[in-house]
Amino acid sequence: SCAHAVTDLARRRLVAMVEPFWST
């Protein structure tokens, strides 16, 4: 889902701010 959102934002030349965590 995040990959699709990054792609959709990039197509509109909008910043994709991704907040990644390694979680348990």
mmCIF file of all heavy atoms, coordinates in Angstrom:
data_MODEL
# 
_entry.id   MODEL 
# 
loop_
_atom_site.group_PDB 
_atom_site.id 
_atom_site.type_symbol 
_atom_site.label_atom_id 
_atom_site.label_alt_id 
_atom_site.label_comp_id 
_atom_site.label_asym_id 
_atom_site.label_entity_id 
_atom_site.label_seq_id 
_atom_site.pdbx_PDB_ins_code 
_atom_site.Cartn_x 
_atom_site.Cartn_y 
_atom_site.Cartn_z 
_atom_site.occupancy 
_atom_site.B_iso_or_equiv 
_atom_site.pdbx_formal_charge 
_atom_site.auth_seq_id 
_atom_site.auth_comp_id 
_atom_site.auth_asym_id 
_atom_site.auth_atom_id 
_atom_site.pdbx_PDB_model_num 
ATOM 1   N N   . SER A 1 1  ? 0.824  -1.207 0.000   1.00 0.00 ? 1  SER A N   1 
ATOM 2   C CA  . SER A 1 1  ? 0.000  0.000  0.000   1.00 0.00 ? 1  SER A CA  1 
ATOM 3   C C   . SER A 1 1  ? 0.857  1.256  0.000   1.00 0.00 ? 1  SER A C   1 
ATOM 4   O O   . SER A 1 1  ? 0.549  2.231  -0.704  1.00 0.00 ? 1  SER A O   1 
ATOM 5   C CB  . SER A 1 1  ? -0.925 0.001  1.219   1.00 0.00 ? 1  SER A CB  1 
ATOM 6   O OG  . SER A 1 1  ? -1.825 -1.086 1.170   1.00 0.00 ? 1  SER A OG  1 
ATOM 7   N N   . CYS A 1 2  ? 1.927  1.255  0.786   1.00 0.00 ? 2  CYS A N   1 
ATOM 8   C CA  . CYS A 1 2  ? 2.834  2.408  0.806   1.00 0.00 ? 2  CYS A CA  1 
ATOM 9   C C   . CYS A 1 2  ? 3.500  2.602  -0.552  1.00 0.00 ? 2  CYS A C   1 
ATOM 10  O O   . CYS A 1 2  ? 3.671  3.731  -1.010  1.00 0.00 ? 2  CYS A O   1 
ATOM 11  C CB  . CYS A 1 2  ? 3.885  2.247  1.902   1.00 0.00 ? 2  CYS A CB  1 
ATOM 12  S SG  . CYS A 1 2  ? 3.260  2.454  3.584   1.00 0.00 ? 2  CYS A SG  1 
ATOM 13  N N   . ALA A 1 3  ? 3.870  1.507  -1.202  1.00 0.00 ? 3  ALA A N   1 
ATOM 14  C CA  . ALA A 1 3  ? 4.488  1.611  -2.530  1.00 0.00 ? 3  ALA A CA  1 
ATOM 15  C C   . ALA A 1 3  ? 3.532  2.261  -3.523  1.00 0.00 ? 3  ALA A C   1 
ATOM 16  O O   . ALA A 1 3  ? 3.936  3.129  -4.318  1.00 0.00 ? 3  ALA A O   1 
ATOM 17  C CB  . ALA A 1 3  ? 4.900  0.227  -3.020  1.00 0.00 ? 3  ALA A CB  1 
ATOM 18  N N   . HIS A 1 4  ? 2.261  1.856  -3.490  1.00 0.00 ? 4  HIS A N   1 
ATOM 19  C CA  . HIS A 1 4  ? 1.272  2.470  -4.385  1.00 0.00 ? 4  HIS A CA  1 
ATOM 20  C C   . HIS A 1 4  ? 1.115  3.959  -4.080  1.00 0.00 ? 4  HIS A C   1 
ATOM 21  O O   . HIS A 1 4  ? 0.994  4.784  -5.000  1.00 0.00 ? 4  HIS A O   1 
ATOM 22  C CB  . HIS A 1 4  ? -0.079 1.768  -4.252  1.00 0.00 ? 4  HIS A CB  1 
ATOM 23  C CG  . HIS A 1 4  ? -0.121 0.399  -4.858  1.00 0.00 ? 4  HIS A CG  1 
ATOM 24  N ND1 . HIS A 1 4  ? 0.371  0.127  -6.119  1.00 0.00 ? 4  HIS A ND1 1 
ATOM 25  C CD2 . HIS A 1 4  ? -0.597 -0.784 -4.373  1.00 0.00 ? 4  HIS A CD2 1 
ATOM 26  C CE1 . HIS A 1 4  ? 0.196  -1.162 -6.395  1.00 0.00 ? 4  HIS A CE1 1 
ATOM 27  N NE2 . HIS A 1 4  ? -0.380 -1.731 -5.345  1.00 0.00 ? 4  HIS A NE2 1 
ATOM 28  N N   . ALA A 1 5  ? 1.108  4.317  -2.792  1.00 0.00 ? 5  ALA A N   1 
ATOM 29  C CA  . ALA A 1 5  ? 0.950  5.721  -2.416  1.00 0.00 ? 5  ALA A CA  1 
ATOM 30  C C   . ALA A 1 5  ? 2.145  6.556  -2.861  1.00 0.00 ? 5  ALA A C   1 
ATOM 31  O O   . ALA A 1 5  ? 1.984  7.682  -3.353  1.00 0.00 ? 5  ALA A O   1 
ATOM 32  C CB  . ALA A 1 5  ? 0.759  5.840  -0.904  1.00 0.00 ? 5  ALA A CB  1 
ATOM 33  N N   . VAL A 1 6  ? 3.347  6.024  -2.700  1.00 0.00 ? 6  VAL A N   1 
ATOM 34  C CA  . VAL A 1 6  ? 4.552  6.729  -3.169  1.00 0.00 ? 6  VAL A CA  1 
ATOM 35  C C   . VAL A 1 6  ? 4.451  6.974  -4.670  1.00 0.00 ? 6  VAL A C   1 
ATOM 36  O O   . VAL A 1 6  ? 4.729  8.083  -5.163  1.00 0.00 ? 6  VAL A O   1 
ATOM 37  C CB  . VAL A 1 6  ? 5.819  5.916  -2.829  1.00 0.00 ? 6  VAL A CB  1 
ATOM 38  C CG1 . VAL A 1 6  ? 7.040  6.479  -3.560  1.00 0.00 ? 6  VAL A CG1 1 
ATOM 39  C CG2 . VAL A 1 6  ? 6.068  5.905  -1.326  1.00 0.00 ? 6  VAL A CG2 1 
ATOM 40  N N   . THR A 1 7  ? 4.053  5.956  -5.415  1.00 0.00 ? 7  THR A N   1 
ATOM 41  C CA  . THR A 1 7  ? 3.920  6.080  -6.866  1.00 0.00 ? 7  THR A CA  1 
ATOM 42  C C   . THR A 1 7  ? 2.869  7.116  -7.241  1.00 0.00 ? 7  THR A C   1 
ATOM 43  O O   . THR A 1 7  ? 3.102  7.980  -8.108  1.00 0.00 ? 7  THR A O   1 
ATOM 44  C CB  . THR A 1 7  ? 3.550  4.719  -7.474  1.00 0.00 ? 7  THR A CB  1 
ATOM 45  O OG1 . THR A 1 7  ? 4.617  3.790  -7.234  1.00 0.00 ? 7  THR A OG1 1 
ATOM 46  C CG2 . THR A 1 7  ? 3.315  4.825  -8.967  1.00 0.00 ? 7  THR A CG2 1 
ATOM 47  N N   . ASP A 1 8  ? 1.709  7.059  -6.585  1.00 0.00 ? 8  ASP A N   1 
ATOM 48  C CA  . ASP A 1 8  ? 0.617  7.982  -6.913  1.00 0.00 ? 8  ASP A CA  1 
ATOM 49  C C   . ASP A 1 8  ? 0.996  9.428  -6.602  1.00 0.00 ? 8  ASP A C   1 
ATOM 50  O O   . ASP A 1 8  ? 0.640  10.346 -7.355  1.00 0.00 ? 8  ASP A O   1 
ATOM 51  C CB  . ASP A 1 8  ? -0.641 7.598  -6.140  1.00 0.00 ? 8  ASP A CB  1 
ATOM 52  C CG  . ASP A 1 8  ? -1.266 6.304  -6.639  1.00 0.00 ? 8  ASP A CG  1 
ATOM 53  O OD1 . ASP A 1 8  ? -0.904 5.869  -7.751  1.00 0.00 ? 8  ASP A OD1 1 
ATOM 54  O OD2 . ASP A 1 8  ? -2.106 5.729  -5.920  1.00 0.00 ? 8  ASP A OD2 1 
ATOM 55  N N   . LEU A 1 9  ? 1.696  9.649  -5.506  1.00 0.00 ? 9  LEU A N   1 
ATOM 56  C CA  . LEU A 1 9  ? 2.138  11.008 -5.170  1.00 0.00 ? 9  LEU A CA  1 
ATOM 57  C C   . LEU A 1 9  ? 3.201  11.492 -6.149  1.00 0.00 ? 9  LEU A C   1 
ATOM 58  O O   . LEU A 1 9  ? 3.165  12.638 -6.607  1.00 0.00 ? 9  LEU A O   1 
ATOM 59  C CB  . LEU A 1 9  ? 2.676  11.051 -3.735  1.00 0.00 ? 9  LEU A CB  1 
ATOM 60  C CG  . LEU A 1 9  ? 1.625  10.910 -2.626  1.00 0.00 ? 9  LEU A CG  1 
ATOM 61  C CD1 . LEU A 1 9  ? 2.295  10.609 -1.289  1.00 0.00 ? 9  LEU A CD1 1 
ATOM 62  C CD2 . LEU A 1 9  ? 0.788  12.186 -2.511  1.00 0.00 ? 9  LEU A CD2 1 
ATOM 63  N N   . ALA A 1 10 ? 4.145  10.622 -6.488  1.00 0.00 ? 10 ALA A N   1 
ATOM 64  C CA  . ALA A 1 10 ? 5.220  11.013 -7.398  1.00 0.00 ? 10 ALA A CA  1 
ATOM 65  C C   . ALA A 1 10 ? 4.670  11.400 -8.773  1.00 0.00 ? 10 ALA A C   1 
ATOM 66  O O   . ALA A 1 10 ? 5.185  12.320 -9.419  1.00 0.00 ? 10 ALA A O   1 
ATOM 67  C CB  . ALA A 1 10 ? 6.231  9.879  -7.532  1.00 0.00 ? 10 ALA A CB  1 
ATOM 68  N N   . ARG A 1 11 ? 3.635  10.714 -9.232  1.00 0.00 ? 11 ARG A N   1 
ATOM 69  C CA  . ARG A 1 11 ? 3.035  11.046 -10.527 1.00 0.00 ? 11 ARG A CA  1 
ATOM 70  C C   . ARG A 1 11 ? 2.454  12.451 -10.530 1.00 0.00 ? 11 ARG A C   1 
ATOM 71  O O   . ARG A 1 11 ? 2.296  13.066 -11.581 1.00 0.00 ? 11 ARG A O   1 
ATOM 72  C CB  . ARG A 1 11 ? 1.965  10.017 -10.878 1.00 0.00 ? 11 ARG A CB  1 
ATOM 73  C CG  . ARG A 1 11 ? 2.560  8.687  -11.345 1.00 0.00 ? 11 ARG A CG  1 
ATOM 74  C CD  . ARG A 1 11 ? 1.497  7.621  -11.544 1.00 0.00 ? 11 ARG A CD  1 
ATOM 75  N NE  . ARG A 1 11 ? 2.118  6.405  -12.092 1.00 0.00 ? 11 ARG A NE  1 
ATOM 76  C CZ  . ARG A 1 11 ? 1.602  5.187  -11.974 1.00 0.00 ? 11 ARG A CZ  1 
ATOM 77  N NH1 . ARG A 1 11 ? 0.451  5.027  -11.315 1.00 0.00 ? 11 ARG A NH1 1 
ATOM 78  N NH2 . ARG A 1 11 ? 2.218  4.153  -12.502 1.00 0.00 ? 11 ARG A NH2 1 
ATOM 79  N N   . ARG A 1 12 ? 2.137  12.955 -9.337  1.00 0.00 ? 12 ARG A N   1 
ATOM 80  C CA  . ARG A 1 12 ? 1.607  14.314 -9.206  1.00 0.00 ? 12 ARG A CA  1 
ATOM 81  C C   . ARG A 1 12 ? 2.685  15.287 -8.739  1.00 0.00 ? 12 ARG A C   1 
ATOM 82  O O   . ARG A 1 12 ? 2.404  16.434 -8.424  1.00 0.00 ? 12 ARG A O   1 
ATOM 83  C CB  . ARG A 1 12 ? 0.441  14.304 -8.220  1.00 0.00 ? 12 ARG A CB  1 
ATOM 84  C CG  . ARG A 1 12 ? -0.760 13.507 -8.723  1.00 0.00 ? 12 ARG A CG  1 
ATOM 85  C CD  . ARG A 1 12 ? -1.748 13.178 -7.602  1.00 0.00 ? 12 ARG A CD  1 
ATOM 86  N NE  . ARG A 1 12 ? -2.979 12.596 -8.113  1.00 0.00 ? 12 ARG A NE  1 
ATOM 87  C CZ  . ARG A 1 12 ? -3.128 11.307 -8.402  1.00 0.00 ? 12 ARG A CZ  1 
ATOM 88  N NH1 . ARG A 1 12 ? -2.102 10.461 -8.245  1.00 0.00 ? 12 ARG A NH1 1 
ATOM 89  N NH2 . ARG A 1 12 ? -4.279 10.850 -8.859  1.00 0.00 ? 12 ARG A NH2 1 
ATOM 90  N N   . ARG A 1 13 ? 3.925  14.815 -8.654  1.00 0.00 ? 13 ARG A N   1 
ATOM 91  C CA  . ARG A 1 13 ? 5.063  15.612 -8.200  1.00 0.00 ? 13 ARG A CA  1 
ATOM 92  C C   . ARG A 1 13 ? 4.839  16.180 -6.801  1.00 0.00 ? 13 ARG A C   1 
ATOM 93  O O   . ARG A 1 13 ? 5.149  17.335 -6.502  1.00 0.00 ? 13 ARG A O   1 
ATOM 94  C CB  . ARG A 1 13 ? 5.387  16.734 -9.198  1.00 0.00 ? 13 ARG A CB  1 
ATOM 95  C CG  . ARG A 1 13 ? 5.736  16.207 -10.586 1.00 0.00 ? 13 ARG A CG  1 
ATOM 96  C CD  . ARG A 1 13 ? 6.181  17.310 -11.523 1.00 0.00 ? 13 ARG A CD  1 
ATOM 97  N NE  . ARG A 1 13 ? 6.520  16.775 -12.836 1.00 0.00 ? 13 ARG A NE  1 
ATOM 98  C CZ  . ARG A 1 13 ? 6.990  17.499 -13.850 1.00 0.00 ? 13 ARG A CZ  1 
ATOM 99  N NH1 . ARG A 1 13 ? 7.159  18.797 -13.696 1.00 0.00 ? 13 ARG A NH1 1 
ATOM 100 N NH2 . ARG A 1 13 ? 7.265  16.926 -14.999 1.00 0.00 ? 13 ARG A NH2 1 
ATOM 101 N N   . LEU A 1 14 ? 4.313  15.312 -5.944  1.00 0.00 ? 14 LEU A N   1 
ATOM 102 C CA  . LEU A 1 14 ? 4.058  15.669 -4.555  1.00 0.00 ? 14 LEU A CA  1 
ATOM 103 C C   . LEU A 1 14 ? 4.939  14.833 -3.647  1.00 0.00 ? 14 LEU A C   1 
ATOM 104 O O   . LEU A 1 14 ? 5.227  13.663 -3.926  1.00 0.00 ? 14 LEU A O   1 
ATOM 105 C CB  . LEU A 1 14 ? 2.583  15.420 -4.209  1.00 0.00 ? 14 LEU A CB  1 
ATOM 106 C CG  . LEU A 1 14 ? 1.565  16.310 -4.927  1.00 0.00 ? 14 LEU A CG  1 
ATOM 107 C CD1 . LEU A 1 14 ? 0.148  15.770 -4.721  1.00 0.00 ? 14 LEU A CD1 1 
ATOM 108 C CD2 . LEU A 1 14 ? 1.676  17.744 -4.427  1.00 0.00 ? 14 LEU A CD2 1 
ATOM 109 N N   . VAL A 1 15 ? 5.358  15.420 -2.531  1.00 0.00 ? 15 VAL A N   1 
ATOM 110 C CA  . VAL A 1 15 ? 6.237  14.739 -1.595  1.00 0.00 ? 15 VAL A CA  1 
ATOM 111 C C   . VAL A 1 15 ? 5.535  13.530 -0.974  1.00 0.00 ? 15 VAL A C   1 
ATOM 112 O O   . VAL A 1 15 ? 4.388  13.617 -0.526  1.00 0.00 ? 15 VAL A O   1 
ATOM 113 C CB  . VAL A 1 15 ? 6.692  15.698 -0.472  1.00 0.00 ? 15 VAL A CB  1 
ATOM 114 C CG1 . VAL A 1 15 ? 7.417  14.941 0.639   1.00 0.00 ? 15 VAL A CG1 1 
ATOM 115 C CG2 . VAL A 1 15 ? 7.593  16.784 -1.043  1.00 0.00 ? 15 VAL A CG2 1 
ATOM 116 N N   . ALA A 1 16 ? 6.235  12.398 -0.944  1.00 0.00 ? 16 ALA A N   1 
ATOM 117 C CA  . ALA A 1 16 ? 5.800  11.213 -0.208  1.00 0.00 ? 16 ALA A CA  1 
ATOM 118 C C   . ALA A 1 16 ? 6.684  11.108 1.031   1.00 0.00 ? 16 ALA A C   1 
ATOM 119 O O   . ALA A 1 16 ? 7.870  10.791 0.926   1.00 0.00 ? 16 ALA A O   1 
ATOM 120 C CB  . ALA A 1 16 ? 5.925  9.963  -1.068  1.00 0.00 ? 16 ALA A CB  1 
ATOM 121 N N   . MET A 1 17 ? 6.124  11.408 2.188   1.00 0.00 ? 17 MET A N   1 
ATOM 122 C CA  . MET A 1 17 ? 6.874  11.376 3.438   1.00 0.00 ? 17 MET A CA  1 
ATOM 123 C C   . MET A 1 17 ? 6.650  10.011 4.090   1.00 0.00 ? 17 MET A C   1 
ATOM 124 O O   . MET A 1 17 ? 5.573  9.712  4.584   1.00 0.00 ? 17 MET A O   1 
ATOM 125 C CB  . MET A 1 17 ? 6.401  12.504 4.365   1.00 0.00 ? 17 MET A CB  1 
ATOM 126 C CG  . MET A 1 17 ? 7.289  12.735 5.572   1.00 0.00 ? 17 MET A CG  1 
ATOM 127 S SD  . MET A 1 17 ? 6.579  13.990 6.705   1.00 0.00 ? 17 MET A SD  1 
ATOM 128 C CE  . MET A 1 17 ? 6.501  15.425 5.630   1.00 0.00 ? 17 MET A CE  1 
ATOM 129 N N   . VAL A 1 18 ? 7.679  9.161  4.057   1.00 0.00 ? 18 VAL A N   1 
ATOM 130 C CA  . VAL A 1 18 ? 7.562  7.792  4.537   1.00 0.00 ? 18 VAL A CA  1 
ATOM 131 C C   . VAL A 1 18 ? 8.229  7.674  5.908   1.00 0.00 ? 18 VAL A C   1 
ATOM 132 O O   . VAL A 1 18 ? 9.391  8.053  6.080   1.00 0.00 ? 18 VAL A O   1 
ATOM 133 C CB  . VAL A 1 18 ? 8.212  6.797  3.555   1.00 0.00 ? 18 VAL A CB  1 
ATOM 134 C CG1 . VAL A 1 18 ? 7.984  5.360  4.029   1.00 0.00 ? 18 VAL A CG1 1 
ATOM 135 C CG2 . VAL A 1 18 ? 7.641  6.978  2.149   1.00 0.00 ? 18 VAL A CG2 1 
ATOM 136 N N   . GLU A 1 19 ? 7.466  7.138  6.877   1.00 0.00 ? 19 GLU A N   1 
ATOM 137 C CA  . GLU A 1 19 ? 7.954  6.980  8.252   1.00 0.00 ? 19 GLU A CA  1 
ATOM 138 C C   . GLU A 1 19 ? 8.149  5.488  8.540   1.00 0.00 ? 19 GLU A C   1 
ATOM 139 O O   . GLU A 1 19 ? 7.215  4.793  8.942   1.00 0.00 ? 19 GLU A O   1 
ATOM 140 C CB  . GLU A 1 19 ? 6.950  7.588  9.230   1.00 0.00 ? 19 GLU A CB  1 
ATOM 141 C CG  . GLU A 1 19 ? 7.386  7.516  10.677  1.00 0.00 ? 19 GLU A CG  1 
ATOM 142 C CD  . GLU A 1 19 ? 6.381  8.163  11.620  1.00 0.00 ? 19 GLU A CD  1 
ATOM 143 O OE1 . GLU A 1 19 ? 5.261  8.502  11.169  1.00 0.00 ? 19 GLU A OE1 1 
ATOM 144 O OE2 . GLU A 1 19 ? 6.706  8.325  12.799  1.00 0.00 ? 19 GLU A OE2 1 
ATOM 145 N N   . PRO A 1 20 ? 9.367  4.953  8.327   1.00 0.00 ? 20 PRO A N   1 
ATOM 146 C CA  . PRO A 1 20 ? 9.577  3.515  8.469   1.00 0.00 ? 20 PRO A CA  1 
ATOM 147 C C   . PRO A 1 20 ? 10.080 3.129  9.867   1.00 0.00 ? 20 PRO A C   1 
ATOM 148 O O   . PRO A 1 20 ? 10.867 3.848  10.490  1.00 0.00 ? 20 PRO A O   1 
ATOM 149 C CB  . PRO A 1 20 ? 10.657 3.244  7.426   1.00 0.00 ? 20 PRO A CB  1 
ATOM 150 C CG  . PRO A 1 20 ? 11.491 4.499  7.424   1.00 0.00 ? 20 PRO A CG  1 
ATOM 151 C CD  . PRO A 1 20 ? 10.547 5.625  7.758   1.00 0.00 ? 20 PRO A CD  1 
ATOM 152 N N   . PHE A 1 21 ? 9.605  2.001  10.345  1.00 0.00 ? 21 PHE A N   1 
ATOM 153 C CA  . PHE A 1 21 ? 10.102 1.421  11.596  1.00 0.00 ? 21 PHE A CA  1 
ATOM 154 C C   . PHE A 1 21 ? 10.235 -0.083 11.425  1.00 0.00 ? 21 PHE A C   1 
ATOM 155 O O   . PHE A 1 21 ? 9.414  -0.723 10.754  1.00 0.00 ? 21 PHE A O   1 
ATOM 156 C CB  . PHE A 1 21 ? 9.126  1.677  12.755  1.00 0.00 ? 21 PHE A CB  1 
ATOM 157 C CG  . PHE A 1 21 ? 9.096  3.085  13.259  1.00 0.00 ? 21 PHE A CG  1 
ATOM 158 C CD1 . PHE A 1 21 ? 8.024  3.909  12.967  1.00 0.00 ? 21 PHE A CD1 1 
ATOM 159 C CD2 . PHE A 1 21 ? 10.124 3.587  14.041  1.00 0.00 ? 21 PHE A CD2 1 
ATOM 160 C CE1 . PHE A 1 21 ? 7.971  5.206  13.433  1.00 0.00 ? 21 PHE A CE1 1 
ATOM 161 C CE2 . PHE A 1 21 ? 10.085 4.883  14.512  1.00 0.00 ? 21 PHE A CE2 1 
ATOM 162 C CZ  . PHE A 1 21 ? 9.016  5.701  14.216  1.00 0.00 ? 21 PHE A CZ  1 
ATOM 163 N N   . TRP A 1 22 ? 11.260 -0.649 12.071  1.00 0.00 ? 22 TRP A N   1 
ATOM 164 C CA  . TRP A 1 22 ? 11.372 -2.093 12.220  1.00 0.00 ? 22 TRP A CA  1 
ATOM 165 C C   . TRP A 1 22 ? 10.690 -2.418 13.543  1.00 0.00 ? 22 TRP A C   1 
ATOM 166 O O   . TRP A 1 22 ? 11.125 -1.951 14.593  1.00 0.00 ? 22 TRP A O   1 
ATOM 167 C CB  . TRP A 1 22 ? 12.837 -2.517 12.236  1.00 0.00 ? 22 TRP A CB  1 
ATOM 168 C CG  . TRP A 1 22 ? 13.041 -3.968 11.975  1.00 0.00 ? 22 TRP A CG  1 
ATOM 169 C CD1 . TRP A 1 22 ? 13.303 -4.940 12.885  1.00 0.00 ? 22 TRP A CD1 1 
ATOM 170 C CD2 . TRP A 1 22 ? 13.011 -4.611 10.697  1.00 0.00 ? 22 TRP A CD2 1 
ATOM 171 N NE1 . TRP A 1 22 ? 13.441 -6.152 12.275  1.00 0.00 ? 22 TRP A NE1 1 
ATOM 172 C CE2 . TRP A 1 22 ? 13.266 -5.983 10.921  1.00 0.00 ? 22 TRP A CE2 1 
ATOM 173 C CE3 . TRP A 1 22 ? 12.785 -4.170 9.394   1.00 0.00 ? 22 TRP A CE3 1 
ATOM 174 C CZ2 . TRP A 1 22 ? 13.303 -6.913 9.889   1.00 0.00 ? 22 TRP A CZ2 1 
ATOM 175 C CZ3 . TRP A 1 22 ? 12.820 -5.091 8.372   1.00 0.00 ? 22 TRP A CZ3 1 
ATOM 176 C CH2 . TRP A 1 22 ? 13.083 -6.444 8.616   1.00 0.00 ? 22 TRP A CH2 1 
ATOM 177 N N   . SER A 1 23 ? 9.603  -3.165 13.498  1.00 0.00 ? 23 SER A N   1 
ATOM 178 C CA  . SER A 1 23 ? 8.739  -3.319 14.661  1.00 0.00 ? 23 SER A CA  1 
ATOM 179 C C   . SER A 1 23 ? 8.601  -4.775 15.077  1.00 0.00 ? 23 SER A C   1 
ATOM 180 O O   . SER A 1 23 ? 8.737  -5.690 14.266  1.00 0.00 ? 23 SER A O   1 
ATOM 181 C CB  . SER A 1 23 ? 7.346  -2.749 14.374  1.00 0.00 ? 23 SER A CB  1 
ATOM 182 O OG  . SER A 1 23 ? 7.419  -1.396 13.978  1.00 0.00 ? 23 SER A OG  1 
ATOM 183 N N   . THR A 1 24 ? 8.298  -4.969 16.369  1.00 0.00 ? 24 THR A N   1 
ATOM 184 C CA  . THR A 1 24 ? 8.020  -6.304 16.900  1.00 0.00 ? 24 THR A CA  1 
ATOM 185 C C   . THR A 1 24 ? 6.907  -6.189 17.937  1.00 0.00 ? 24 THR A C   1 
ATOM 186 O O   . THR A 1 24 ? 6.617  -5.101 18.438  1.00 0.00 ? 24 THR A O   1 
ATOM 187 C CB  . THR A 1 24 ? 9.259  -6.924 17.580  1.00 0.00 ? 24 THR A CB  1 
ATOM 188 O OG1 . THR A 1 24 ? 9.710  -6.040 18.626  1.00 0.00 ? 24 THR A OG1 1 
ATOM 189 C CG2 . THR A 1 24 ? 10.392 -7.123 16.584  1.00 0.00 ? 24 THR A CG2 1 
# 
